[in-house]
Amino acid sequence: MSDDYEQLAPIYDALGMADFAASVTPPLLDYAQSHDWVGRRAVDLGCGTGASVQWLANRGYNITGIDASPSMLRQAQQSISSSGSGIGFQLYEGDIRSLSNLHDIDLALALDVVNELNSLRDLEATIVSVARILVPGKLFIFDLHTIEGLARLDNTTSIIHDDLDLTALVTHRFDYDRQVDTAEYITFQRSGSAWQRLHAIRTMRGFPIQVVTALLQRAGFGIMAMLNDRLETVDPATQREPRVIIFARRAGIETD
């Protein structure tokens, strides 16, 4: 997948692929604070081009962004540094299934990344890894495209960007047996007087919500809230949302 993100990184923001993180980060922090969360030390898992990192850093949070793609991290560094705000942040290449060099974290944020894990084993490893770095009582906030939401995308093609210099289409195919959505990105980008065609694949795996909550509880998390992308409370047993946002609080009492 690193080769695919090498293709996507320079146009990731232009294609709107960072829009969800950019738009949802502020209300997620507001929601957390309205439910008694306080803290300054945060980590953005799968930080991409740094939309959430930049917002958090601009507001004085001690923020670290982690991504497995060096191309995305270079784009994040360039994007945040070019803003000229002089904010402080850290970025490093890493595997969210095995976090290291982090401790006493107040907030772990993972937006538009969990579905890219390959298996339930990887998901469990990520949850355990996050639990290890979080202060007791603090939050792990992440979103999840549901199986129903991914299935709705099957056999759809859409133009996600179209201007004089860049046109991009994405086609989705859903494998019902594996519960995996494969998104194929085809882009045409002007380069001088010529056009360059690029091709990238993004794979997202669906995980049953009940299994995800069970894994969280096994790792010592309590479910503080489950919301849809409009930040309304949802009950996964009775509602079929295409995307949910989970607020998981690490068990225990903060001592510092």
C-alpha atoms as a PDB file:
ATOM      1  CA  MET A   1       0.000   0.000   0.000  1.00  0.00           C
ATOM      2  CA  SER A   2       2.987   2.344   0.456  1.00  0.00           C
ATOM      3  CA  ASP A   3       3.359   2.655  -3.338  1.00  0.00           C
ATOM      4  CA  ASP A   4      -0.301   3.622  -3.624  1.00  0.00           C
ATOM      5  CA  TYR A   5       0.024   6.340  -1.017  1.00  0.00           C
ATOM      6  CA  GLU A   6       3.148   7.576  -2.748  1.00  0.00           C
ATOM      7  CA  GLN A   7       0.870   8.240  -5.717  1.00  0.00           C
ATOM      8  CA  LEU A   8      -1.917   9.747  -3.631  1.00  0.00           C
ATOM      9  CA  ALA A   9       0.093  11.857  -1.161  1.00  0.00           C
ATOM     10  CA  PRO A  10       0.728  14.905  -3.405  1.00  0.00           C
ATOM     11  CA  ILE A  11      -2.970  15.144  -4.366  1.00  0.00           C
ATOM     12  CA  TYR A  12      -4.518  13.718  -1.184  1.00  0.00           C
ATOM     13  CA  ASP A  13      -5.818  17.074   0.043  1.00  0.00           C
ATOM     14  CA  ALA A  14      -6.930  18.185  -3.431  1.00  0.00           C
ATOM     15  CA  LEU A  15      -9.037  15.030  -3.736  1.00  0.00           C
ATOM     16  CA  GLY A  16     -10.785  15.822  -0.457  1.00  0.00           C
ATOM     17  CA  MET A  17      -9.379  12.750   1.268  1.00  0.00           C
ATOM     18  CA  ALA A  18      -8.410  14.809   4.338  1.00  0.00           C
ATOM     19  CA  ASP A  19     -11.754  16.610   4.557  1.00  0.00           C
ATOM     20  CA  PHE A  20     -13.312  14.257   7.091  1.00  0.00           C
ATOM     21  CA  ALA A  21     -10.437  14.599   9.559  1.00  0.00           C
ATOM     22  CA  ALA A  22     -10.291  18.367   9.078  1.00  0.00           C
ATOM     23  CA  SER A  23     -14.019  18.863   9.625  1.00  0.00           C
ATOM     24  CA  VAL A  24     -14.647  16.399  12.434  1.00  0.00           C
ATOM     25  CA  THR A  25     -11.631  17.036  14.693  1.00  0.00           C
ATOM     26  CA  PRO A  26     -12.956  20.296  16.238  1.00  0.00           C
ATOM     27  CA  PRO A  27     -16.417  18.937  17.182  1.00  0.00           C
ATOM     28  CA  LEU A  28     -14.884  15.690  18.473  1.00  0.00           C
ATOM     29  CA  LEU A  29     -12.686  17.653  20.882  1.00  0.00           C
ATOM     30  CA  ASP A  30     -15.668  19.791  21.899  1.00  0.00           C
ATOM     31  CA  TYR A  31     -17.699  16.636  22.557  1.00  0.00           C
ATOM     32  CA  ALA A  32     -14.904  15.064  24.592  1.00  0.00           C
ATOM     33  CA  GLN A  33     -14.440  18.186  26.695  1.00  0.00           C
ATOM     34  CA  SER A  34     -18.183  18.447  27.301  1.00  0.00           C
ATOM     35  CA  HIS A  35     -17.960  14.916  28.759  1.00  0.00           C
ATOM     36  CA  ASP A  36     -15.227  15.741  31.277  1.00  0.00           C
ATOM     37  CA  TRP A  37     -12.151  14.984  29.188  1.00  0.00           C
ATOM     38  CA  VAL A  38      -9.168  17.215  29.826  1.00  0.00           C
ATOM     39  CA  GLY A  39      -5.622  16.838  28.567  1.00  0.00           C
ATOM     40  CA  ARG A  40      -2.840  18.263  26.431  1.00  0.00           C
ATOM     41  CA  ARG A  41      -0.871  15.237  25.192  1.00  0.00           C
ATOM     42  CA  ALA A  42      -2.322  13.752  22.026  1.00  0.00           C
ATOM     43  CA  VAL A  43      -1.337  11.357  19.266  1.00  0.00           C
ATOM     44  CA  ASP A  44      -2.892  11.182  15.795  1.00  0.00           C
ATOM     45  CA  LEU A  45      -2.680   7.619  14.466  1.00  0.00           C
ATOM     46  CA  GLY A  46      -2.558   7.413  10.686  1.00  0.00           C
ATOM     47  CA  CYS A  47      -2.156  11.184  10.546  1.00  0.00           C
ATOM     48  CA  GLY A  48      -2.021  11.343   6.748  1.00  0.00           C
ATOM     49  CA  THR A  49      -1.298  14.843   5.488  1.00  0.00           C
ATOM     50  CA  GLY A  50      -1.685  16.288   8.970  1.00  0.00           C
ATOM     51  CA  ALA A  51      -5.099  17.984   9.059  1.00  0.00           C
ATOM     52  CA  SER A  52      -5.819  16.965  12.655  1.00  0.00           C
ATOM     53  CA  VAL A  53      -2.204  17.475  13.726  1.00  0.00           C
ATOM     54  CA  GLN A  54      -2.246  21.055  12.488  1.00  0.00           C
ATOM     55  CA  TRP A  55      -5.559  21.877  14.181  1.00  0.00           C
ATOM     56  CA  LEU A  56      -4.473  20.411  17.516  1.00  0.00           C
ATOM     57  CA  ALA A  57      -1.032  22.024  17.403  1.00  0.00           C
ATOM     58  CA  ASN A  58      -2.563  25.407  16.622  1.00  0.00           C
ATOM     59  CA  ARG A  59      -4.502  25.119  19.873  1.00  0.00           C
ATOM     60  CA  GLY A  60      -1.546  24.303  22.053  1.00  0.00           C
ATOM     61  CA  TYR A  61      -1.797  20.543  22.272  1.00  0.00           C
ATOM     62  CA  ASN A  62       1.383  18.507  22.526  1.00  0.00           C
ATOM     63  CA  ILE A  63       0.673  16.500  19.385  1.00  0.00           C
ATOM     64  CA  THR A  64       2.495  13.648  17.671  1.00  0.00           C
ATOM     65  CA  GLY A  65       1.436  12.357  14.265  1.00  0.00           C
ATOM     66  CA  ILE A  66       2.224   8.783  13.235  1.00  0.00           C
ATOM     67  CA  ASP A  67       1.814   7.264   9.787  1.00  0.00           C
ATOM     68  CA  ALA A  68       3.170   4.200   8.021  1.00  0.00           C
ATOM     69  CA  SER A  69       3.672   6.091   4.760  1.00  0.00           C
ATOM     70  CA  PRO A  70       6.800   8.254   4.462  1.00  0.00           C
ATOM     71  CA  SER A  71       5.227   9.989   1.454  1.00  0.00           C
ATOM     72  CA  MET A  72       2.238  11.084   3.525  1.00  0.00           C
ATOM     73  CA  LEU A  73       4.500  12.255   6.330  1.00  0.00           C
ATOM     74  CA  ARG A  74       6.576  14.357   3.936  1.00  0.00           C
ATOM     75  CA  GLN A  75       3.397  15.932   2.635  1.00  0.00           C
ATOM     76  CA  ALA A  76       2.210  16.588   6.196  1.00  0.00           C
ATOM     77  CA  GLN A  77       5.518  18.206   7.134  1.00  0.00           C
ATOM     78  CA  GLN A  78       5.407  20.410   4.056  1.00  0.00           C
ATOM     79  CA  SER A  79       1.750  21.346   4.491  1.00  0.00           C
ATOM     80  CA  ILE A  80       1.967  22.210   8.185  1.00  0.00           C
ATOM     81  CA  SER A  81       5.297  24.012   7.940  1.00  0.00           C
ATOM     82  CA  SER A  82       4.106  26.112   4.979  1.00  0.00           C
ATOM     83  CA  SER A  83       1.196  27.417   7.078  1.00  0.00           C
ATOM     84  CA  GLY A  84       3.726  29.754   8.699  1.00  0.00           C
ATOM     85  CA  SER A  85       2.174  29.570  12.133  1.00  0.00           C
ATOM     86  CA  GLY A  86       5.317  28.325  13.879  1.00  0.00           C
ATOM     87  CA  ILE A  87       3.400  25.652  15.760  1.00  0.00           C
ATOM     88  CA  GLY A  88       5.115  22.756  17.510  1.00  0.00           C
ATOM     89  CA  PHE A  89       4.446  19.165  16.515  1.00  0.00           C
ATOM     90  CA  GLN A  90       6.198  15.846  15.970  1.00  0.00           C
ATOM     91  CA  LEU A  91       5.803  13.428  13.082  1.00  0.00           C
ATOM     92  CA  TYR A  92       7.286  10.002  12.749  1.00  0.00           C
ATOM     93  CA  GLU A  93       6.931   6.871  10.675  1.00  0.00           C
ATOM     94  CA  GLY A  94       5.488   4.006  12.667  1.00  0.00           C
ATOM     95  CA  ASP A  95       3.124   1.072  12.950  1.00  0.00           C
ATOM     96  CA  ILE A  96      -0.008   1.810  14.961  1.00  0.00           C
ATOM     97  CA  ARG A  97      -0.194  -1.881  15.926  1.00  0.00           C
ATOM     98  CA  SER A  98       3.009  -1.518  17.914  1.00  0.00           C
ATOM     99  CA  LEU A  99       3.399   1.987  19.289  1.00  0.00           C
ATOM    100  CA  SER A 100       6.705   2.835  20.901  1.00  0.00           C
ATOM    101  CA  ASN A 101       8.383   5.870  22.454  1.00  0.00           C
ATOM    102  CA  LEU A 102       5.021   7.174  23.641  1.00  0.00           C
ATOM    103  CA  HIS A 103       3.581   7.277  27.141  1.00  0.00           C
ATOM    104  CA  ASP A 104       1.215   9.270  29.335  1.00  0.00           C
ATOM    105  CA  ILE A 105      -1.004  10.173  26.375  1.00  0.00           C
ATOM    106  CA  ASP A 106      -4.323  11.900  27.108  1.00  0.00           C
ATOM    107  CA  LEU A 107      -5.932  11.399  23.706  1.00  0.00           C
ATOM    108  CA  ALA A 108      -5.388   8.921  20.873  1.00  0.00           C
ATOM    109  CA  LEU A 109      -7.157   9.936  17.684  1.00  0.00           C
ATOM    110  CA  ALA A 110      -7.524   7.651  14.646  1.00  0.00           C
ATOM    111  CA  LEU A 111      -9.576   9.078  11.787  1.00  0.00           C
ATOM    112  CA  ASP A 112     -10.115   7.279   8.499  1.00  0.00           C
ATOM    113  CA  VAL A 113      -7.498   4.641   9.302  1.00  0.00           C
ATOM    114  CA  VAL A 114      -8.922   1.702  11.299  1.00  0.00           C
ATOM    115  CA  ASN A 115     -10.623   0.144   8.258  1.00  0.00           C
ATOM    116  CA  GLU A 116      -7.226  -0.128   6.574  1.00  0.00           C
ATOM    117  CA  LEU A 117      -6.090  -2.716   9.111  1.00  0.00           C
ATOM    118  CA  ASN A 118      -5.904  -6.143   7.506  1.00  0.00           C
ATOM    119  CA  SER A 119      -7.546  -8.325  10.142  1.00  0.00           C
ATOM    120  CA  LEU A 120      -9.195  -8.540  13.538  1.00  0.00           C
ATOM    121  CA  ARG A 121      -5.807  -9.586  14.905  1.00  0.00           C
ATOM    122  CA  ASP A 122      -4.323  -6.297  13.666  1.00  0.00           C
ATOM    123  CA  LEU A 123      -7.258  -4.388  15.107  1.00  0.00           C
ATOM    124  CA  GLU A 124      -6.815  -6.036  18.500  1.00  0.00           C
ATOM    125  CA  ALA A 125      -3.075  -5.318  18.436  1.00  0.00           C
ATOM    126  CA  THR A 126      -3.820  -1.653  17.715  1.00  0.00           C
ATOM    127  CA  ILE A 127      -6.329  -1.400  20.554  1.00  0.00           C
ATOM    128  CA  VAL A 128      -3.908  -3.027  23.023  1.00  0.00           C
ATOM    129  CA  SER A 129      -1.119  -0.756  21.799  1.00  0.00           C
ATOM    130  CA  VAL A 130      -3.265   2.336  22.366  1.00  0.00           C
ATOM    131  CA  ALA A 131      -4.299   1.132  25.816  1.00  0.00           C
ATOM    132  CA  ARG A 132      -0.623   0.787  26.714  1.00  0.00           C
ATOM    133  CA  ILE A 133       0.171   4.455  26.004  1.00  0.00           C
ATOM    134  CA  LEU A 134      -3.009   6.078  27.360  1.00  0.00           C
ATOM    135  CA  VAL A 135      -3.314   7.518  30.844  1.00  0.00           C
ATOM    136  CA  PRO A 136      -6.116   5.743  32.769  1.00  0.00           C
ATOM    137  CA  GLY A 137      -9.397   7.558  32.285  1.00  0.00           C
ATOM    138  CA  LYS A 138      -8.332   9.127  28.970  1.00  0.00           C
ATOM    139  CA  LEU A 139      -9.787   8.629  25.496  1.00  0.00           C
ATOM    140  CA  PHE A 140      -9.274   6.683  22.289  1.00  0.00           C
ATOM    141  CA  ILE A 141     -11.475   8.255  19.589  1.00  0.00           C
ATOM    142  CA  PHE A 142     -11.755   6.603  16.193  1.00  0.00           C
ATOM    143  CA  ASP A 143     -14.171   6.245  13.303  1.00  0.00           C
ATOM    144  CA  LEU A 144     -15.207   3.093  11.511  1.00  0.00           C
ATOM    145  CA  HIS A 145     -16.906   2.539   8.169  1.00  0.00           C
ATOM    146  CA  THR A 146     -19.427  -0.163   8.947  1.00  0.00           C
ATOM    147  CA  ILE A 147     -19.848  -3.293   6.853  1.00  0.00           C
ATOM    148  CA  GLU A 148     -23.211  -1.922   5.678  1.00  0.00           C
ATOM    149  CA  GLY A 149     -21.602   1.383   4.736  1.00  0.00           C
ATOM    150  CA  LEU A 150     -18.849  -0.242   2.700  1.00  0.00           C
ATOM    151  CA  ALA A 151     -21.323  -2.559   0.965  1.00  0.00           C
ATOM    152  CA  ARG A 152     -23.379   0.445  -0.161  1.00  0.00           C
ATOM    153  CA  LEU A 153     -20.381   1.664  -2.167  1.00  0.00           C
ATOM    154  CA  ASP A 154     -20.240  -1.502  -4.290  1.00  0.00           C
ATOM    155  CA  ASN A 155     -20.162  -0.903  -8.058  1.00  0.00           C
ATOM    156  CA  THR A 156     -20.172   2.887  -7.722  1.00  0.00           C
ATOM    157  CA  THR A 157     -17.964   5.241  -9.693  1.00  0.00           C
ATOM    158  CA  SER A 158     -17.722   8.935  -8.946  1.00  0.00           C
ATOM    159  CA  ILE A 159     -15.693  11.935 -10.015  1.00  0.00           C
ATOM    160  CA  ILE A 160     -14.128  13.288  -6.828  1.00  0.00           C
ATOM    161  CA  HIS A 161     -12.182  16.132  -8.407  1.00  0.00           C
ATOM    162  CA  ASP A 162     -12.320  17.881 -11.749  1.00  0.00           C
ATOM    163  CA  ASP A 163     -10.560  21.076 -12.765  1.00  0.00           C
ATOM    164  CA  LEU A 164      -8.216  22.302 -15.485  1.00  0.00           C
ATOM    165  CA  ASP A 165      -5.193  20.530 -13.992  1.00  0.00           C
ATOM    166  CA  LEU A 166      -6.536  17.455 -12.217  1.00  0.00           C
ATOM    167  CA  THR A 167      -9.353  14.983 -12.765  1.00  0.00           C
ATOM    168  CA  ALA A 168      -9.862  12.036 -10.438  1.00  0.00           C
ATOM    169  CA  LEU A 169     -12.340   9.153 -10.404  1.00  0.00           C
ATOM    170  CA  VAL A 170     -12.835   6.439  -7.817  1.00  0.00           C
ATOM    171  CA  THR A 171     -14.539   3.086  -8.381  1.00  0.00           C
ATOM    172  CA  HIS A 172     -15.565   0.833  -5.504  1.00  0.00           C
ATOM    173  CA  ARG A 173     -15.862  -2.952  -5.493  1.00  0.00           C
ATOM    174  CA  PHE A 174     -17.101  -4.757  -2.404  1.00  0.00           C
ATOM    175  CA  ASP A 175     -16.174  -8.385  -1.732  1.00  0.00           C
ATOM    176  CA  TYR A 176     -19.072  -9.767   0.302  1.00  0.00           C
ATOM    177  CA  ASP A 177     -17.196 -12.914   1.320  1.00  0.00           C
ATOM    178  CA  ARG A 178     -14.167 -11.045   2.688  1.00  0.00           C
ATOM    179  CA  GLN A 179     -16.164  -7.909   3.636  1.00  0.00           C
ATOM    180  CA  VAL A 180     -13.576  -5.740   1.926  1.00  0.00           C
ATOM    181  CA  ASP A 181     -14.044  -2.611  -0.178  1.00  0.00           C
ATOM    182  CA  THR A 182     -11.436  -1.991  -2.873  1.00  0.00           C
ATOM    183  CA  ALA A 183     -11.349   1.609  -4.073  1.00  0.00           C
ATOM    184  CA  GLU A 184      -9.534   2.170  -7.362  1.00  0.00           C
ATOM    185  CA  TYR A 185      -8.362   5.739  -7.960  1.00  0.00           C
ATOM    186  CA  ILE A 186      -7.628   6.881 -11.511  1.00  0.00           C
ATOM    187  CA  THR A 187      -6.233  10.398 -11.837  1.00  0.00           C
ATOM    188  CA  PHE A 188      -5.214  12.545 -14.791  1.00  0.00           C
ATOM    189  CA  GLN A 189      -2.901  15.385 -13.840  1.00  0.00           C
ATOM    190  CA  ARG A 190      -1.508  18.092 -16.083  1.00  0.00           C
ATOM    191  CA  SER A 191       2.277  18.198 -16.231  1.00  0.00           C
ATOM    192  CA  GLY A 192       3.332  21.049 -18.457  1.00  0.00           C
ATOM    193  CA  SER A 193       1.727  20.480 -21.835  1.00  0.00           C
ATOM    194  CA  ALA A 194       1.146  16.771 -21.181  1.00  0.00           C
ATOM    195  CA  TRP A 195      -1.124  14.742 -18.943  1.00  0.00           C
ATOM    196  CA  GLN A 196       0.023  12.095 -16.506  1.00  0.00           C
ATOM    197  CA  ARG A 197      -2.203   9.148 -15.608  1.00  0.00           C
ATOM    198  CA  LEU A 198      -1.845   7.723 -12.102  1.00  0.00           C
ATOM    199  CA  HIS A 199      -3.417   4.645 -10.569  1.00  0.00           C
ATOM    200  CA  ALA A 200      -3.783   3.747  -6.868  1.00  0.00           C
ATOM    201  CA  ILE A 201      -5.714   1.225  -4.796  1.00  0.00           C
ATOM    202  CA  ARG A 202      -7.078   1.703  -1.291  1.00  0.00           C
ATOM    203  CA  THR A 203      -8.478  -1.285   0.587  1.00  0.00           C
ATOM    204  CA  MET A 204     -10.871  -0.976   3.519  1.00  0.00           C
ATOM    205  CA  ARG A 205     -12.019  -3.937   5.594  1.00  0.00           C
ATOM    206  CA  GLY A 206     -15.339  -4.017   7.404  1.00  0.00           C
ATOM    207  CA  PHE A 207     -15.396  -5.064  11.067  1.00  0.00           C
ATOM    208  CA  PRO A 208     -18.568  -6.002  12.999  1.00  0.00           C
ATOM    209  CA  ILE A 209     -19.307  -3.296  15.556  1.00  0.00           C
ATOM    210  CA  GLN A 210     -20.101  -5.884  18.249  1.00  0.00           C
ATOM    211  CA  VAL A 211     -16.670  -7.474  17.773  1.00  0.00           C
ATOM    212  CA  VAL A 212     -14.919  -4.092  17.905  1.00  0.00           C
ATOM    213  CA  THR A 213     -16.616  -3.192  21.186  1.00  0.00           C
ATOM    214  CA  ALA A 214     -15.753  -6.622  22.610  1.00  0.00           C
ATOM    215  CA  LEU A 215     -12.077  -6.128  21.728  1.00  0.00           C
ATOM    216  CA  LEU A 216     -12.119  -2.698  23.355  1.00  0.00           C
ATOM    217  CA  GLN A 217     -13.621  -4.083  26.536  1.00  0.00           C
ATOM    218  CA  ARG A 218     -11.105  -6.935  26.595  1.00  0.00           C
ATOM    219  CA  ALA A 219      -8.305  -4.362  26.465  1.00  0.00           C
ATOM    220  CA  GLY A 220      -9.734  -2.423  29.392  1.00  0.00           C
ATOM    221  CA  PHE A 221     -11.781   0.222  27.599  1.00  0.00           C
ATOM    222  CA  GLY A 222     -15.297   1.335  28.363  1.00  0.00           C
ATOM    223  CA  ILE A 223     -17.500   2.700  25.595  1.00  0.00           C
ATOM    224  CA  MET A 224     -18.214   6.317  26.508  1.00  0.00           C
ATOM    225  CA  ALA A 225     -20.215   7.081  23.364  1.00  0.00           C
ATOM    226  CA  MET A 226     -20.967   5.867  19.861  1.00  0.00           C
ATOM    227  CA  LEU A 227     -21.980   8.527  17.333  1.00  0.00           C
ATOM    228  CA  ASN A 228     -22.703   8.782  13.625  1.00  0.00           C
ATOM    229  CA  ASP A 229     -20.845  11.232  11.398  1.00  0.00           C
ATOM    230  CA  ARG A 230     -23.402  13.892  12.334  1.00  0.00           C
ATOM    231  CA  LEU A 231     -22.348  13.402  15.982  1.00  0.00           C
ATOM    232  CA  GLU A 232     -25.708  11.924  16.948  1.00  0.00           C
ATOM    233  CA  THR A 233     -25.836   9.012  19.386  1.00  0.00           C
ATOM    234  CA  VAL A 234     -26.468   5.689  17.669  1.00  0.00           C
ATOM    235  CA  ASP A 235     -27.437   2.207  18.788  1.00  0.00           C
ATOM    236  CA  PRO A 236     -25.717  -0.296  16.448  1.00  0.00           C
ATOM    237  CA  ALA A 237     -28.204  -2.987  17.458  1.00  0.00           C
ATOM    238  CA  THR A 238     -31.112  -1.079  15.909  1.00  0.00           C
ATOM    239  CA  GLN A 239     -29.548   1.475  13.543  1.00  0.00           C
ATOM    240  CA  ARG A 240     -27.644   0.837  10.317  1.00  0.00           C
ATOM    241  CA  GLU A 241     -25.227   3.709   9.994  1.00  0.00           C
ATOM    242  CA  PRO A 242     -22.598   3.776   7.218  1.00  0.00           C
ATOM    243  CA  ARG A 243     -20.019   5.207   9.619  1.00  0.00           C
ATOM    244  CA  VAL A 244     -19.675   5.388  13.379  1.00  0.00           C
ATOM    245  CA  ILE A 245     -17.357   7.258  15.711  1.00  0.00           C
ATOM    246  CA  ILE A 246     -16.416   5.505  18.940  1.00  0.00           C
ATOM    247  CA  PHE A 247     -15.282   7.222  22.131  1.00  0.00           C
ATOM    248  CA  ALA A 248     -13.508   4.603  24.239  1.00  0.00           C
ATOM    249  CA  ARG A 249     -12.272   5.505  27.733  1.00  0.00           C
ATOM    250  CA  ARG A 250      -9.374   3.576  29.217  1.00  0.00           C
ATOM    251  CA  ALA A 251     -10.355   2.022  32.540  1.00  0.00           C
ATOM    252  CA  GLY A 252      -8.787   3.266  35.737  1.00  0.00           C
ATOM    253  CA  ILE A 253      -8.340   6.531  37.538  1.00  0.00           C
ATOM    254  CA  GLU A 254      -5.829   9.168  36.539  1.00  0.00           C
ATOM    255  CA  THR A 255      -3.173   9.616  39.205  1.00  0.00           C
ATOM    256  CA  ASP A 256      -1.127  12.555  37.919  1.00  0.00           C
END
